[in-house]
Protein backbone atom coordinates (compact mmCIF):
# COMPACT_ATOMS: atom_id res chain seq x y z
CA UNK A 1 111.81 116.78 76.68
CA UNK A 2 108.43 115.17 77.21
CA UNK A 3 108.98 115.57 80.91
CA UNK A 4 109.36 119.37 80.53
CA UNK A 5 106.16 119.48 78.38
CA UNK A 6 104.30 117.65 80.95
CA UNK A 7 105.59 119.97 83.75
CA UNK A 8 104.54 123.02 81.63
CA UNK A 9 101.05 121.54 81.09
CA UNK A 10 100.70 120.88 84.82
CA UNK A 11 101.59 124.48 85.59
CA UNK A 12 99.13 125.75 83.04
CA UNK A 13 96.42 123.66 84.80
CA UNK A 14 97.10 125.26 88.34
CA UNK A 15 95.32 128.34 89.52
CA UNK A 16 96.75 130.01 92.61
CA UNK A 17 95.41 133.14 94.33
CA UNK A 18 96.33 134.63 97.66
CA UNK A 19 93.43 133.00 99.45
CA UNK A 20 92.54 129.99 97.49
CA UNK A 21 94.18 127.14 95.61
CA UNK A 22 92.20 125.73 92.90
CA UNK A 23 93.37 122.55 91.24
CA UNK A 24 92.15 121.48 87.74
CA UNK A 25 90.91 117.91 87.78
CA UNK A 26 93.12 116.85 84.99
CA UNK A 27 96.31 117.27 87.54
CA UNK A 28 94.51 115.74 90.68
CA UNK A 29 95.48 112.28 89.98
CA UNK A 30 99.31 113.26 89.99
CA UNK A 31 101.60 114.81 92.40
CA UNK A 32 103.25 118.13 91.72
CA UNK A 33 105.12 121.02 93.49
CA UNK A 34 104.34 124.63 93.72
CA UNK A 35 107.14 127.24 93.65
CA UNK A 36 108.56 127.80 97.22
CA UNK A 37 107.67 131.15 98.89
CA UNK A 38 109.28 133.35 99.37
CA UNK A 39 111.82 132.93 96.63
CA UNK A 40 114.54 134.03 96.93
CA UNK A 41 114.73 133.72 100.60
CA UNK A 42 117.16 134.42 103.59
CA UNK A 43 116.08 132.07 106.35
CA UNK A 44 112.89 129.86 105.97
CA UNK A 45 110.83 129.13 102.94
CA UNK A 46 107.55 127.19 102.54
CA UNK A 47 107.08 124.54 99.86
CA UNK A 48 103.62 123.31 99.01
CA UNK A 49 102.99 120.08 97.13
CA UNK A 50 100.04 118.00 96.19
CA UNK A 51 99.74 114.26 96.63
CA UNK A 52 97.18 112.11 95.06
CA UNK A 53 95.30 109.54 97.15
CA UNK A 54 96.65 106.37 95.65
CA UNK A 55 100.24 106.85 96.78
CA UNK A 56 102.42 104.55 99.09
CA UNK A 57 105.49 106.53 99.79
CA UNK A 58 106.13 110.43 99.21
CA UNK A 59 109.12 112.49 100.09
CA UNK A 60 110.33 116.01 99.53
CA UNK A 61 114.02 116.33 98.96
CA UNK A 62 116.38 119.24 98.81
CA UNK A 63 119.50 119.01 96.56
CA UNK A 64 122.59 121.15 96.14
CA UNK A 65 123.32 122.68 92.84
CA UNK A 66 125.67 119.66 92.05
CA UNK A 67 122.75 117.23 92.87
CA UNK A 68 123.88 116.15 96.29
CA UNK A 69 120.87 115.29 98.64
CA UNK A 70 120.85 117.63 101.53
CA UNK A 71 117.45 117.20 103.35
CA UNK A 72 114.51 114.91 102.95
CA UNK A 73 111.11 115.37 104.46
CA UNK A 74 108.68 112.44 104.55
CA UNK A 75 105.07 113.27 103.35
CA UNK A 76 102.05 111.17 104.41
CA UNK A 77 98.96 113.18 103.72
CA UNK A 78 97.15 112.97 100.35
CA UNK A 79 95.98 116.29 99.12
CA UNK A 80 97.90 119.67 99.48
CA UNK A 81 100.97 119.42 101.91
CA UNK A 82 103.14 122.27 103.36
CA UNK A 83 106.84 121.93 104.39
CA UNK A 84 108.60 124.78 106.14
CA UNK A 85 112.38 124.55 105.33
CA UNK A 86 114.84 125.89 107.72
CA UNK A 87 117.97 126.92 106.04
CA UNK A 88 120.27 127.73 109.05
CA UNK A 89 122.55 124.77 107.97
CA UNK A 90 122.69 125.85 104.19
CA UNK A 91 124.88 128.33 102.47
CA UNK A 92 123.76 131.00 99.90
CA UNK A 93 123.28 129.57 96.67
CA UNK A 94 120.89 127.81 94.31
CA UNK A 95 119.16 124.45 95.36
CA UNK A 96 116.61 122.37 93.69
CA UNK A 97 113.82 120.45 95.41
CA UNK A 98 111.95 117.24 94.17
CA UNK A 99 108.69 115.59 95.07
CA UNK A 100 109.40 111.90 95.00
CA UNK A 101 106.44 109.66 94.80
CA UNK A 102 106.58 105.74 95.14
CA UNK A 103 110.43 106.05 94.23
CA UNK A 104 109.96 108.25 91.04
CA UNK A 105 110.62 111.97 90.71
CA UNK A 106 107.21 113.47 90.15
CA UNK A 107 108.23 117.25 90.03
CA UNK A 108 111.30 119.41 90.43
CA UNK A 109 111.80 123.20 90.98
CA UNK A 110 114.60 125.48 91.92
CA UNK A 111 115.02 128.03 94.79
CA UNK A 112 117.58 130.59 95.68
CA UNK A 113 118.92 131.15 99.17
CA UNK A 114 120.38 134.62 99.90
CA UNK A 115 121.95 135.14 103.28
């Protein structure tokens, strides 16, 4: 339950507009995910995530509804990152994606693929 409350607080501290992404300083020292766009989607979707400067290893991982890892993307840049996910090899359904920083899950979100 504390993790859910932490995620809620992070979401409240993030302000997103069409042309600008402003991050409250209170979350700039932790990594987080933004909701993929578009969602639901039919072919490709874009996932944005923030990485703090003090990380050693970061990955974005896509999981099936039953928790099986399907795709992993290495992330190396601090600050805002963007990953375009091609879903040609995935079936319609619900998936989750997680930001993993230094071996720990920092954030997880859900996405829906509709072919």
